[in-house]
Amino acid sequence: MTLESNDIELIERLIYKNNDDVAVSIARSFERLEERIDAAESRLYSRLSDLEDKTESCRQDIVDDIGTLRDEFRELSRGIEDEE
């Protein structure tokens, strides 16, 4: 059984058509991947921002606690000096 010219042309068209479909499918996959990466990046930046806010809040709490301890220590030192 030999292939005729028409058969070969039909096979070529089928291959070219499928190549286009594959190329479109790959392009769409890359687009979806890019969208997912963008969404993940956005979530990451949001979480980093939350972490920065919490860190700043904790830092301020520590500064406040140190200030309170310093004031209490000064009062305690004054009380000891007054007793002497």
PDB file of N, CA and C in Angstrom:
ATOM      1  N   MET A   1       0.855  -1.162   0.000  1.00  0.00           N
ATOM      2  CA  MET A   1       0.000   0.000   0.000  1.00  0.00           C
ATOM      3  C   MET A   1       0.905   1.231   0.000  1.00  0.00           C
ATOM      4  N   THR A   2       0.722   2.056  -0.972  1.00  0.00           N
ATOM      5  CA  THR A   2       1.544   3.254  -1.099  1.00  0.00           C
ATOM      6  C   THR A   2       0.704   4.474  -0.766  1.00  0.00           C
ATOM      7  N   LEU A   3       1.396   5.476  -0.272  1.00  0.00           N
ATOM      8  CA  LEU A   3       0.719   6.739   0.046  1.00  0.00           C
ATOM      9  C   LEU A   3       0.715   7.625  -1.183  1.00  0.00           C
ATOM     10  N   GLU A   4      -0.423   8.199  -1.423  1.00  0.00           N
ATOM     11  CA  GLU A   4      -0.521   9.114  -2.550  1.00  0.00           C
ATOM     12  C   GLU A   4      -0.247  10.531  -2.076  1.00  0.00           C
ATOM     13  N   SER A   5      -0.069  11.394  -2.998  1.00  0.00           N
ATOM     14  CA  SER A   5       0.237  12.801  -2.706  1.00  0.00           C
ATOM     15  C   SER A   5      -0.864  13.431  -1.850  1.00  0.00           C
ATOM     16  N   ASN A   6      -2.101  13.132  -2.132  1.00  0.00           N
ATOM     17  CA  ASN A   6      -3.221  13.678  -1.351  1.00  0.00           C
ATOM     18  C   ASN A   6      -3.162  13.195   0.098  1.00  0.00           C
ATOM     19  N   ASP A   7      -2.808  11.939   0.296  1.00  0.00           N
ATOM     20  CA  ASP A   7      -2.696  11.392   1.648  1.00  0.00           C
ATOM     21  C   ASP A   7      -1.607  12.107   2.439  1.00  0.00           C
ATOM     22  N   ILE A   8      -0.489  12.320   1.777  1.00  0.00           N
ATOM     23  CA  ILE A   8       0.628  13.001   2.434  1.00  0.00           C
ATOM     24  C   ILE A   8       0.240  14.430   2.795  1.00  0.00           C
ATOM     25  N   GLU A   9      -0.441  15.113   1.884  1.00  0.00           N
ATOM     26  CA  GLU A   9      -0.887  16.484   2.179  1.00  0.00           C
ATOM     27  C   GLU A   9      -1.867  16.507   3.344  1.00  0.00           C
ATOM     28  N   LEU A  10      -2.761  15.550   3.393  1.00  0.00           N
ATOM     29  CA  LEU A  10      -3.722  15.454   4.498  1.00  0.00           C
ATOM     30  C   LEU A  10      -2.991  15.225   5.825  1.00  0.00           C
ATOM     31  N   ILE A  11      -2.004  14.357   5.817  1.00  0.00           N
ATOM     32  CA  ILE A  11      -1.216  14.088   7.028  1.00  0.00           C
ATOM     33  C   ILE A  11      -0.467  15.347   7.448  1.00  0.00           C
ATOM     34  N   GLU A  12       0.119  16.049   6.481  1.00  0.00           N
ATOM     35  CA  GLU A  12       0.834  17.288   6.791  1.00  0.00           C
ATOM     36  C   GLU A  12      -0.102  18.320   7.419  1.00  0.00           C
ATOM     37  N   ARG A  13      -1.285  18.482   6.850  1.00  0.00           N
ATOM     38  CA  ARG A  13      -2.254  19.435   7.416  1.00  0.00           C
ATOM     39  C   ARG A  13      -2.648  19.050   8.831  1.00  0.00           C
ATOM     40  N   LEU A  14      -2.833  17.773   9.046  1.00  0.00           N
ATOM     41  CA  LEU A  14      -3.200  17.285  10.378  1.00  0.00           C
ATOM     42  C   LEU A  14      -2.079  17.580  11.380  1.00  0.00           C
ATOM     43  N   ILE A  15      -0.849  17.343  10.962  1.00  0.00           N
ATOM     44  CA  ILE A  15       0.290  17.618  11.841  1.00  0.00           C
ATOM     45  C   ILE A  15       0.379  19.114  12.133  1.00  0.00           C
ATOM     46  N   TYR A  16       0.277  19.944  11.115  1.00  0.00           N
ATOM     47  CA  TYR A  16       0.360  21.393  11.330  1.00  0.00           C
ATOM     48  C   TYR A  16      -0.774  21.886  12.216  1.00  0.00           C
ATOM     49  N   LYS A  17      -1.977  21.356  11.997  1.00  0.00           N
ATOM     50  CA  LYS A  17      -3.109  21.771  12.828  1.00  0.00           C
ATOM     51  C   LYS A  17      -2.871  21.382  14.281  1.00  0.00           C
ATOM     52  N   ASN A  18      -2.406  20.182  14.505  1.00  0.00           N
ATOM     53  CA  ASN A  18      -2.138  19.735  15.868  1.00  0.00           C
ATOM     54  C   ASN A  18      -1.006  20.533  16.498  1.00  0.00           C
ATOM     55  N   ASN A  19      -0.005  20.888  15.727  1.00  0.00           N
ATOM     56  CA  ASN A  19       1.078  21.717  16.255  1.00  0.00           C
ATOM     57  C   ASN A  19       0.536  23.051  16.750  1.00  0.00           C
ATOM     58  N   ASP A  20      -0.366  23.640  15.987  1.00  0.00           N
ATOM     59  CA  ASP A  20      -0.967  24.904  16.414  1.00  0.00           C
ATOM     60  C   ASP A  20      -1.752  24.722  17.707  1.00  0.00           C
ATOM     61  N   ASP A  21      -2.519  23.639  17.791  1.00  0.00           N
ATOM     62  CA  ASP A  21      -3.294  23.367  18.999  1.00  0.00           C
ATOM     63  C   ASP A  21      -2.378  23.173  20.206  1.00  0.00           C
ATOM     64  N   VAL A  22      -1.283  22.459  19.993  1.00  0.00           N
ATOM     65  CA  VAL A  22      -0.328  22.226  21.073  1.00  0.00           C
ATOM     66  C   VAL A  22       0.304  23.549  21.490  1.00  0.00           C
ATOM     67  N   ALA A  23       0.673  24.363  20.509  1.00  0.00           N
ATOM     68  CA  ALA A  23       1.279  25.656  20.819  1.00  0.00           C
ATOM     69  C   ALA A  23       0.312  26.534  21.600  1.00  0.00           C
ATOM     70  N   VAL A  24      -0.945  26.554  21.208  1.00  0.00           N
ATOM     71  CA  VAL A  24      -1.957  27.339  21.925  1.00  0.00           C
ATOM     72  C   VAL A  24      -2.138  26.786  23.332  1.00  0.00           C
ATOM     73  N   SER A  25      -2.169  25.486  23.467  1.00  0.00           N
ATOM     74  CA  SER A  25      -2.329  24.864  24.780  1.00  0.00           C
ATOM     75  C   SER A  25      -1.154  25.212  25.686  1.00  0.00           C
ATOM     76  N   ILE A  26       0.051  25.155  25.150  1.00  0.00           N
ATOM     77  CA  ILE A  26       1.231  25.509  25.940  1.00  0.00           C
ATOM     78  C   ILE A  26       1.184  26.972  26.334  1.00  0.00           C
ATOM     79  N   ALA A  27       0.810  27.843  25.408  1.00  0.00           N
ATOM     80  CA  ALA A  27       0.723  29.278  25.707  1.00  0.00           C
ATOM     81  C   ALA A  27      -0.292  29.533  26.812  1.00  0.00           C
ATOM     82  N   ARG A  28      -1.431  28.877  26.748  1.00  0.00           N
ATOM     83  CA  ARG A  28      -2.448  29.043  27.790  1.00  0.00           C
ATOM     84  C   ARG A  28      -1.948  28.522  29.135  1.00  0.00           C
ATOM     85  N   SER A  29      -1.219  27.429  29.098  1.00  0.00           N
ATOM     86  CA  SER A  29      -0.664  26.886  30.342  1.00  0.00           C
ATOM     87  C   SER A  29       0.306  27.868  30.975  1.00  0.00           C
ATOM     88  N   PHE A  30       1.142  28.499  30.143  1.00  0.00           N
ATOM     89  CA  PHE A  30       2.062  29.501  30.659  1.00  0.00           C
ATOM     90  C   PHE A  30       1.321  30.711  31.215  1.00  0.00           C
ATOM     91  N   GLU A  31       0.238  31.102  30.570  1.00  0.00           N
ATOM     92  CA  GLU A  31      -0.568  32.221  31.069  1.00  0.00           C
ATOM     93  C   GLU A  31      -1.154  31.882  32.439  1.00  0.00           C
ATOM     94  N   ARG A  32      -1.700  30.675  32.577  1.00  0.00           N
ATOM     95  CA  ARG A  32      -2.253  30.263  33.866  1.00  0.00           C
ATOM     96  C   ARG A  32      -1.162  30.187  34.926  1.00  0.00           C
ATOM     97  N   LEU A  33      -0.002  29.688  34.550  1.00  0.00           N
ATOM     98  CA  LEU A  33       1.119  29.619  35.481  1.00  0.00           C
ATOM     99  C   LEU A  33       1.524  31.019  35.930  1.00  0.00           C
ATOM    100  N   GLU A  34       1.586  31.954  34.996  1.00  0.00           N
ATOM    101  CA  GLU A  34       1.931  33.334  35.336  1.00  0.00           C
ATOM    102  C   GLU A  34       0.899  33.941  36.282  1.00  0.00           C
ATOM    103  N   GLU A  35      -0.383  33.672  36.039  1.00  0.00           N
ATOM    104  CA  GLU A  35      -1.434  34.170  36.930  1.00  0.00           C
ATOM    105  C   GLU A  35      -1.282  33.590  38.329  1.00  0.00           C
ATOM    106  N   ARG A  36      -0.975  32.317  38.414  1.00  0.00           N
ATOM    107  CA  ARG A  36      -0.790  31.679  39.725  1.00  0.00           C
ATOM    108  C   ARG A  36       0.426  32.242  40.446  1.00  0.00           C
ATOM    109  N   ILE A  37       1.493  32.476  39.700  1.00  0.00           N
ATOM    110  CA  ILE A  37       2.694  33.060  40.309  1.00  0.00           C
ATOM    111  C   ILE A  37       2.389  34.462  40.819  1.00  0.00           C
ATOM    112  N   ASP A  38       1.660  35.254  40.023  1.00  0.00           N
ATOM    113  CA  ASP A  38       1.290  36.609  40.450  1.00  0.00           C
ATOM    114  C   ASP A  38       0.436  36.571  41.714  1.00  0.00           C
ATOM    115  N   ALA A  39      -0.512  35.645  41.760  1.00  0.00           N
ATOM    116  CA  ALA A  39      -1.377  35.531  42.941  1.00  0.00           C
ATOM    117  C   ALA A  39      -0.560  35.109  44.163  1.00  0.00           C
ATOM    118  N   ALA A  40       0.352  34.172  43.976  1.00  0.00           N
ATOM    119  CA  ALA A  40       1.190  33.727  45.092  1.00  0.00           C
ATOM    120  C   ALA A  40       2.089  34.865  45.569  1.00  0.00           C
ATOM    121  N   GLU A  41       2.616  35.628  44.636  1.00  0.00           N
ATOM    122  CA  GLU A  41       3.465  36.771  44.996  1.00  0.00           C
ATOM    123  C   GLU A  41       2.666  37.805  45.786  1.00  0.00           C
ATOM    124  N   SER A  42       1.442  38.038  45.356  1.00  0.00           N
ATOM    125  CA  SER A  42       0.581  38.985  46.063  1.00  0.00           C
ATOM    126  C   SER A  42       0.302  38.512  47.486  1.00  0.00           C
ATOM    127  N   ARG A  43      -0.003  37.214  47.642  1.00  0.00           N
ATOM    128  CA  ARG A  43      -0.248  36.670  48.985  1.00  0.00           C
ATOM    129  C   ARG A  43       1.009  36.763  49.842  1.00  0.00           C
ATOM    130  N   LEU A  44       2.153  36.514  49.239  1.00  0.00           N
ATOM    131  CA  LEU A  44       3.410  36.585  49.972  1.00  0.00           C
ATOM    132  C   LEU A  44       3.670  38.004  50.475  1.00  0.00           C
ATOM    133  N   TYR A  45       3.469  39.004  49.611  1.00  0.00           N
ATOM    134  CA  TYR A  45       3.665  40.388  50.029  1.00  0.00           C
ATOM    135  C   TYR A  45       2.669  40.786  51.117  1.00  0.00           C
ATOM    136  N   SER A  46       1.449  40.290  51.014  1.00  0.00           N
ATOM    137  CA  SER A  46       0.450  40.581  52.028  1.00  0.00           C
ATOM    138  C   SER A  46       0.857  39.990  53.371  1.00  0.00           C
ATOM    139  N   ARG A  47       1.338  38.765  53.350  1.00  0.00           N
ATOM    140  CA  ARG A  47       1.771  38.118  54.593  1.00  0.00           C
ATOM    141  C   ARG A  47       3.005  38.802  55.173  1.00  0.00           C
ATOM    142  N   LEU A  48       3.922  39.233  54.302  1.00  0.00           N
ATOM    143  CA  LEU A  48       5.089  39.963  54.785  1.00  0.00           C
ATOM    144  C   LEU A  48       4.680  41.289  55.429  1.00  0.00           C
ATOM    145  N   SER A  49       3.699  41.940  54.840  1.00  0.00           N
ATOM    146  CA  SER A  49       3.203  43.193  55.402  1.00  0.00           C
ATOM    147  C   SER A  49       2.582  42.953  56.772  1.00  0.00           C
ATOM    148  N   ASP A  50       1.799  41.893  56.890  1.00  0.00           N
ATOM    149  CA  ASP A  50       1.216  41.537  58.193  1.00  0.00           C
ATOM    150  C   ASP A  50       2.307  41.256  59.216  1.00  0.00           C
ATOM    151  N   LEU A  51       3.330  40.551  58.786  1.00  0.00           N
ATOM    152  CA  LEU A  51       4.443  40.229  59.677  1.00  0.00           C
ATOM    153  C   LEU A  51       5.169  41.499  60.122  1.00  0.00           C
ATOM    154  N   GLU A  52       5.380  42.429  59.205  1.00  0.00           N
ATOM    155  CA  GLU A  52       6.013  43.701  59.567  1.00  0.00           C
ATOM    156  C   GLU A  52       5.167  44.468  60.579  1.00  0.00           C
ATOM    157  N   ASP A  53       3.849  44.472  60.367  1.00  0.00           N
ATOM    158  CA  ASP A  53       2.949  45.151  61.311  1.00  0.00           C
ATOM    159  C   ASP A  53       3.035  44.516  62.696  1.00  0.00           C
ATOM    160  N   LYS A  54       3.007  43.192  62.747  1.00  0.00           N
ATOM    161  CA  LYS A  54       3.090  42.505  64.040  1.00  0.00           C
ATOM    162  C   LYS A  54       4.437  42.744  64.706  1.00  0.00           C
ATOM    163  N   THR A  55       5.500  42.733  63.914  1.00  0.00           N
ATOM    164  CA  THR A  55       6.834  42.986  64.458  1.00  0.00           C
ATOM    165  C   THR A  55       6.908  44.392  65.045  1.00  0.00           C
ATOM    166  N   GLU A  56       6.376  45.373  64.330  1.00  0.00           N
ATOM    167  CA  GLU A  56       6.387  46.754  64.826  1.00  0.00           C
ATOM    168  C   GLU A  56       5.551  46.876  66.094  1.00  0.00           C
ATOM    169  N   SER A  57       4.413  46.194  66.126  1.00  0.00           N
ATOM    170  CA  SER A  57       3.564  46.219  67.314  1.00  0.00           C
ATOM    171  C   SER A  57       4.293  45.615  68.515  1.00  0.00           C
ATOM    172  N   CYS A  58       4.951  44.477  68.300  1.00  0.00           N
ATOM    173  CA  CYS A  58       5.709  43.842  69.385  1.00  0.00           C
ATOM    174  C   CYS A  58       6.865  44.730  69.829  1.00  0.00           C
ATOM    175  N   ARG A  59       7.538  45.346  68.875  1.00  0.00           N
ATOM    176  CA  ARG A  59       8.643  46.233  69.213  1.00  0.00           C
ATOM    177  C   ARG A  59       8.151  47.380  70.079  1.00  0.00           C
ATOM    178  N   GLN A  60       7.007  47.954  69.723  1.00  0.00           N
ATOM    179  CA  GLN A  60       6.448  49.060  70.509  1.00  0.00           C
ATOM    180  C   GLN A  60       6.047  48.584  71.905  1.00  0.00           C
ATOM    181  N   ASP A  61       5.475  47.391  72.005  1.00  0.00           N
ATOM    182  CA  ASP A  61       5.132  46.829  73.327  1.00  0.00           C
ATOM    183  C   ASP A  61       6.374  46.657  74.184  1.00  0.00           C
ATOM    184  N   ILE A  62       7.455  46.174  73.588  1.00  0.00           N
ATOM    185  CA  ILE A  62       8.702  45.983  74.331  1.00  0.00           C
ATOM    186  C   ILE A  62       9.254  47.327  74.793  1.00  0.00           C
ATOM    187  N   VAL A  63       9.229  48.319  73.899  1.00  0.00           N
ATOM    188  CA  VAL A  63       9.703  49.657  74.269  1.00  0.00           C
ATOM    189  C   VAL A  63       8.870  50.207  75.430  1.00  0.00           C
ATOM    190  N   ASP A  64       7.568  50.022  75.361  1.00  0.00           N
ATOM    191  CA  ASP A  64       6.693  50.484  76.451  1.00  0.00           C
ATOM    192  C   ASP A  64       7.012  49.764  77.755  1.00  0.00           C
ATOM    193  N   ASP A  65       7.202  48.452  77.680  1.00  0.00           N
ATOM    194  CA  ASP A  65       7.522  47.675  78.883  1.00  0.00           C
ATOM    195  C   ASP A  65       8.866  48.107  79.479  1.00  0.00           C
ATOM    196  N   ILE A  66       9.839  48.355  78.638  1.00  0.00           N
ATOM    197  CA  ILE A  66      11.144  48.811  79.125  1.00  0.00           C
ATOM    198  C   ILE A  66      11.004  50.170  79.799  1.00  0.00           C
ATOM    199  N   GLY A  67      10.211  51.057  79.196  1.00  0.00           N
ATOM    200  CA  GLY A  67       9.969  52.364  79.806  1.00  0.00           C
ATOM    201  C   GLY A  67       9.318  52.237  81.172  1.00  0.00           C
ATOM    202  N   THR A  68       8.330  51.352  81.267  1.00  0.00           N
ATOM    203  CA  THR A  68       7.647  51.122  82.547  1.00  0.00           C
ATOM    204  C   THR A  68       8.616  50.563  83.576  1.00  0.00           C
ATOM    205  N   LEU A  69       9.432  49.586  83.185  1.00  0.00           N
ATOM    206  CA  LEU A  69      10.412  49.010  84.100  1.00  0.00           C
ATOM    207  C   LEU A  69      11.433  50.058  84.548  1.00  0.00           C
ATOM    208  N   ARG A  70      11.849  50.905  83.627  1.00  0.00           N
ATOM    209  CA  ARG A  70      12.807  51.958  83.976  1.00  0.00           C
ATOM    210  C   ARG A  70      12.203  52.906  85.011  1.00  0.00           C
ATOM    211  N   ASP A  71      10.936  53.297  84.782  1.00  0.00           N
ATOM    212  CA  ASP A  71      10.258  54.182  85.731  1.00  0.00           C
ATOM    213  C   ASP A  71      10.120  53.513  87.100  1.00  0.00           C
ATOM    214  N   GLU A  72       9.739  52.244  87.113  1.00  0.00           N
ATOM    215  CA  GLU A  72       9.611  51.522  88.383  1.00  0.00           C
ATOM    216  C   GLU A  72      10.965  51.391  89.073  1.00  0.00           C
ATOM    217  N   PHE A  73      12.012  51.139  88.303  1.00  0.00           N
ATOM    218  CA  PHE A  73      13.341  51.028  88.879  1.00  0.00           C
ATOM    219  C   PHE A  73      13.776  52.356  89.486  1.00  0.00           C
ATOM    220  N   ARG A  74      13.488  53.467  88.799  1.00  0.00           N
ATOM    221  CA  ARG A  74      13.835  54.787  89.333  1.00  0.00           C
ATOM    222  C   ARG A  74      13.088  55.059  90.639  1.00  0.00           C
ATOM    223  N   GLU A  75      11.802  54.722  90.647  1.00  0.00           N
ATOM    224  CA  GLU A  75      11.016  54.923  91.872  1.00  0.00           C
ATOM    225  C   GLU A  75      11.565  54.048  93.001  1.00  0.00           C
ATOM    226  N   LEU A  76      11.919  52.830  92.680  1.00  0.00           N
ATOM    227  CA  LEU A  76      12.472  51.929  93.682  1.00  0.00           C
ATOM    228  C   LEU A  76      13.817  52.460  94.186  1.00  0.00           C
ATOM    229  N   SER A  77      14.630  52.969  93.277  1.00  0.00           N
ATOM    230  CA  SER A  77      15.933  53.528  93.664  1.00  0.00           C
ATOM    231  C   SER A  77      15.750  54.746  94.557  1.00  0.00           C
ATOM    232  N   ARG A  78      14.789  55.587  94.233  1.00  0.00           N
ATOM    233  CA  ARG A  78      14.514  56.768  95.064  1.00  0.00           C
ATOM    234  C   ARG A  78      14.043  56.345  96.457  1.00  0.00           C
ATOM    235  N   GLY A  79      13.212  55.331  96.486  1.00  0.00           N
ATOM    236  CA  GLY A  79      12.709  54.839  97.783  1.00  0.00           C
ATOM    237  C   GLY A  79      13.833  54.300  98.642  1.00  0.00           C
ATOM    238  N   ILE A  80      14.762  53.603  98.009  1.00  0.00           N
ATOM    239  CA  ILE A  80      15.901  53.067  98.763  1.00  0.00           C
ATOM    240  C   ILE A  80      16.784  54.197  99.254  1.00  0.00           C
ATOM    241  N   GLU A  81      17.006  55.223  98.407  1.00  0.00           N
ATOM    242  CA  GLU A  81      17.842  56.361  98.805  1.00  0.00           C
ATOM    243  C   GLU A  81      17.183  57.139  99.942  1.00  0.00           C
ATOM    244  N   ASP A  82      15.855  57.275  99.880  1.00  0.00           N
ATOM    245  CA  ASP A  82      15.138  58.003 100.930  1.00  0.00           C
ATOM    246  C   ASP A  82      15.222  57.254 102.259  1.00  0.00           C
ATOM    247  N   GLU A  83      15.235  55.933 102.223  1.00  0.00           N
ATOM    248  CA  GLU A  83      15.327  55.140 103.458  1.00  0.00           C
ATOM    249  C   GLU A  83      16.702  55.225 104.101  1.00  0.00           C
ATOM    250  N   GLU A  84      17.713  55.481 103.306  1.00  0.00           N
ATOM    251  CA  GLU A  84      19.069  55.528 103.845  1.00  0.00           C
ATOM    252  C   GLU A  84      19.284  56.828 104.471  1.00  0.00           C
TER     253      GLU A  84
END
